[in-house]
Amino acid sequence: MANVCCRFRLTELLLDIEQHLRDAGLWQSQPPAEAYLASEQPFALDHLSLVQWLQFVFIPRLQGLLASGESLPDNCAIAPMAEEYCRQMGIQAAPLIASLRLIDGAISHT
């Protein structure tokens, strides 16, 4: 289980990710259909873009784990996927990628 300091830092980083998505104009006001959110594919790639997955799946799930005190995943490697997605989509997202790398490191203890 991550210590209190790590959990607090992760909470801050999730807020940073939200702000980076908003700053880039990628934050959506309406969620996708519930069936899309229930996808069992990695990153829900069959129905969601990566930024939708971050907003509607990753951030809420991690916030829920942090709020409840439940154990966090043993590892996390979202930054490489986000970096590739942003490159392919032509999205300038260096601050977003930097925050995701920090989350990956904090969760994976690297």
C-alpha atoms as a PDB file:
ATOM      1  CA  MET A   1       0.000   0.000   0.000  1.00  0.00           C
ATOM      2  CA  ALA A   2       1.321   3.409  -0.894  1.00  0.00           C
ATOM      3  CA  ASN A   3       2.146   5.669   2.019  1.00  0.00           C
ATOM      4  CA  VAL A   4       0.131   8.786   2.821  1.00  0.00           C
ATOM      5  CA  CYS A   5       2.640  11.101   1.141  1.00  0.00           C
ATOM      6  CA  CYS A   6       2.536   9.068  -2.079  1.00  0.00           C
ATOM      7  CA  ARG A   7      -1.268   8.995  -2.020  1.00  0.00           C
ATOM      8  CA  PHE A   8      -1.404  12.761  -1.563  1.00  0.00           C
ATOM      9  CA  ARG A   9       1.048  13.232  -4.446  1.00  0.00           C
ATOM     10  CA  LEU A  10      -1.024  10.956  -6.682  1.00  0.00           C
ATOM     11  CA  THR A  11      -4.137  12.986  -5.848  1.00  0.00           C
ATOM     12  CA  GLU A  12      -2.307  16.150  -6.911  1.00  0.00           C
ATOM     13  CA  LEU A  13      -1.080  14.513 -10.111  1.00  0.00           C
ATOM     14  CA  LEU A  14      -4.610  13.444 -11.047  1.00  0.00           C
ATOM     15  CA  LEU A  15      -5.721  17.052 -10.682  1.00  0.00           C
ATOM     16  CA  ASP A  16      -2.763  18.072 -12.865  1.00  0.00           C
ATOM     17  CA  ILE A  17      -3.831  15.584 -15.540  1.00  0.00           C
ATOM     18  CA  GLU A  18      -7.350  17.003 -15.526  1.00  0.00           C
ATOM     19  CA  GLN A  19      -5.977  20.520 -15.893  1.00  0.00           C
ATOM     20  CA  HIS A  20      -3.633  19.491 -18.714  1.00  0.00           C
ATOM     21  CA  LEU A  21      -6.564  17.898 -20.571  1.00  0.00           C
ATOM     22  CA  ARG A  22      -8.646  21.035 -20.046  1.00  0.00           C
ATOM     23  CA  ASP A  23      -5.792  23.307 -21.169  1.00  0.00           C
ATOM     24  CA  ALA A  24      -5.385  21.243 -24.345  1.00  0.00           C
ATOM     25  CA  GLY A  25      -9.123  21.415 -25.070  1.00  0.00           C
ATOM     26  CA  LEU A  26      -9.436  17.642 -24.633  1.00  0.00           C
ATOM     27  CA  TRP A  27     -11.719  17.562 -21.573  1.00  0.00           C
ATOM     28  CA  GLN A  28     -15.282  16.560 -22.448  1.00  0.00           C
ATOM     29  CA  SER A  29     -18.359  17.843 -20.670  1.00  0.00           C
ATOM     30  CA  GLN A  30     -20.459  14.754 -21.427  1.00  0.00           C
ATOM     31  CA  PRO A  31     -19.392  11.178 -20.701  1.00  0.00           C
ATOM     32  CA  PRO A  32     -19.627   8.509 -23.381  1.00  0.00           C
ATOM     33  CA  ALA A  33     -22.363   5.883 -23.224  1.00  0.00           C
ATOM     34  CA  GLU A  34     -22.199   3.622 -20.173  1.00  0.00           C
ATOM     35  CA  ALA A  35     -21.646   0.572 -22.394  1.00  0.00           C
ATOM     36  CA  TYR A  36     -18.488   2.185 -23.748  1.00  0.00           C
ATOM     37  CA  LEU A  37     -17.178   2.719 -20.242  1.00  0.00           C
ATOM     38  CA  ALA A  38     -17.759  -0.958 -19.410  1.00  0.00           C
ATOM     39  CA  SER A  39     -15.386  -2.151 -22.141  1.00  0.00           C
ATOM     40  CA  GLU A  40     -13.081  -4.978 -21.160  1.00  0.00           C
ATOM     41  CA  GLN A  41     -10.470  -4.093 -23.778  1.00  0.00           C
ATOM     42  CA  PRO A  42      -7.217  -2.521 -22.531  1.00  0.00           C
ATOM     43  CA  PHE A  43      -7.726   1.250 -22.320  1.00  0.00           C
ATOM     44  CA  ALA A  44     -11.257   0.608 -23.713  1.00  0.00           C
ATOM     45  CA  LEU A  45      -9.709   1.102 -27.146  1.00  0.00           C
ATOM     46  CA  ASP A  46     -12.702  -0.489 -28.822  1.00  0.00           C
ATOM     47  CA  HIS A  47     -14.903   2.463 -27.831  1.00  0.00           C
ATOM     48  CA  LEU A  48     -12.891   5.312 -26.285  1.00  0.00           C
ATOM     49  CA  SER A  49      -9.989   7.494 -27.286  1.00  0.00           C
ATOM     50  CA  LEU A  50      -7.096   7.454 -24.859  1.00  0.00           C
ATOM     51  CA  VAL A  51      -7.988  10.897 -23.525  1.00  0.00           C
ATOM     52  CA  GLN A  52     -11.585   9.763 -22.958  1.00  0.00           C
ATOM     53  CA  TRP A  53     -10.257   6.722 -21.111  1.00  0.00           C
ATOM     54  CA  LEU A  54      -8.063   8.955 -18.944  1.00  0.00           C
ATOM     55  CA  GLN A  55     -10.975  11.243 -18.116  1.00  0.00           C
ATOM     56  CA  PHE A  56     -13.769   8.749 -17.646  1.00  0.00           C
ATOM     57  CA  VAL A  57     -11.997   5.572 -16.483  1.00  0.00           C
ATOM     58  CA  PHE A  58      -8.441   6.086 -15.229  1.00  0.00           C
ATOM     59  CA  ILE A  59      -8.869   9.267 -13.185  1.00  0.00           C
ATOM     60  CA  PRO A  60     -12.130   8.173 -11.468  1.00  0.00           C
ATOM     61  CA  ARG A  61     -10.816   4.674 -10.693  1.00  0.00           C
ATOM     62  CA  LEU A  62      -7.578   5.928  -9.224  1.00  0.00           C
ATOM     63  CA  GLN A  63      -9.385   8.655  -7.271  1.00  0.00           C
ATOM     64  CA  GLY A  64     -11.727   5.989  -5.884  1.00  0.00           C
ATOM     65  CA  LEU A  65      -8.834   3.797  -4.771  1.00  0.00           C
ATOM     66  CA  LEU A  66      -7.110   6.743  -3.152  1.00  0.00           C
ATOM     67  CA  ALA A  67     -10.266   7.922  -1.376  1.00  0.00           C
ATOM     68  CA  SER A  68     -11.138   4.480  -0.036  1.00  0.00           C
ATOM     69  CA  GLY A  69      -7.606   3.610   1.037  1.00  0.00           C
ATOM     70  CA  GLU A  70      -7.657   0.486  -1.108  1.00  0.00           C
ATOM     71  CA  SER A  71      -4.441  -0.925  -2.501  1.00  0.00           C
ATOM     72  CA  LEU A  72      -3.143   0.655  -5.653  1.00  0.00           C
ATOM     73  CA  PRO A  73      -2.021  -1.407  -8.645  1.00  0.00           C
ATOM     74  CA  ASP A  74       1.484  -2.870  -8.382  1.00  0.00           C
ATOM     75  CA  ASN A  75       2.606  -1.090 -11.521  1.00  0.00           C
ATOM     76  CA  CYS A  76       1.475   1.472 -14.020  1.00  0.00           C
ATOM     77  CA  ALA A  77       2.782   2.329 -17.482  1.00  0.00           C
ATOM     78  CA  ILE A  78       0.348   4.743 -19.058  1.00  0.00           C
ATOM     79  CA  ALA A  79       2.790   7.448 -20.172  1.00  0.00           C
ATOM     80  CA  PRO A  80       4.221   5.461 -23.129  1.00  0.00           C
ATOM     81  CA  MET A  81       0.725   4.754 -24.459  1.00  0.00           C
ATOM     82  CA  ALA A  82      -0.283   8.405 -24.030  1.00  0.00           C
ATOM     83  CA  GLU A  83       2.908   9.603 -25.679  1.00  0.00           C
ATOM     84  CA  GLU A  84       2.294   7.417 -28.730  1.00  0.00           C
ATOM     85  CA  TYR A  85      -1.381   8.401 -28.902  1.00  0.00           C
ATOM     86  CA  CYS A  86      -0.577  12.123 -28.717  1.00  0.00           C
ATOM     87  CA  ARG A  87       2.160  11.762 -31.328  1.00  0.00           C
ATOM     88  CA  GLN A  88      -0.206   9.987 -33.730  1.00  0.00           C
ATOM     89  CA  MET A  89      -2.971  12.519 -33.133  1.00  0.00           C
ATOM     90  CA  GLY A  90      -0.657  15.534 -33.431  1.00  0.00           C
ATOM     91  CA  ILE A  91      -1.454  16.655 -29.897  1.00  0.00           C
ATOM     92  CA  GLN A  92       1.167  18.724 -28.085  1.00  0.00           C
ATOM     93  CA  ALA A  93       0.932  17.245 -24.616  1.00  0.00           C
ATOM     94  CA  ALA A  94       4.337  17.405 -22.931  1.00  0.00           C
ATOM     95  CA  PRO A  95       2.897  18.505 -19.535  1.00  0.00           C
ATOM     96  CA  LEU A  96       0.301  15.714 -19.651  1.00  0.00           C
ATOM     97  CA  ILE A  97       2.927  13.103 -20.502  1.00  0.00           C
ATOM     98  CA  ALA A  98       5.208  14.406 -17.731  1.00  0.00           C
ATOM     99  CA  SER A  99       2.419  14.044 -15.153  1.00  0.00           C
ATOM    100  CA  LEU A 100       1.571  10.553 -16.393  1.00  0.00           C
ATOM    101  CA  ARG A 101       5.241   9.568 -16.085  1.00  0.00           C
ATOM    102  CA  LEU A 102       5.203  10.759 -12.475  1.00  0.00           C
ATOM    103  CA  ILE A 103       2.077   8.672 -11.800  1.00  0.00           C
ATOM    104  CA  ASP A 104       3.692   5.646 -13.452  1.00  0.00           C
ATOM    105  CA  GLY A 105       6.773   6.096 -11.270  1.00  0.00           C
ATOM    106  CA  ALA A 106       4.846   6.666  -8.050  1.00  0.00           C
ATOM    107  CA  ILE A 107       2.652   3.610  -8.533  1.00  0.00           C
ATOM    108  CA  SER A 108       5.442   1.391  -9.859  1.00  0.00           C
ATOM    109  CA  HIS A 109       7.877   2.710  -7.215  1.00  0.00           C
ATOM    110  CA  THR A 110      10.528   3.585  -9.777  1.00  0.00           C
END
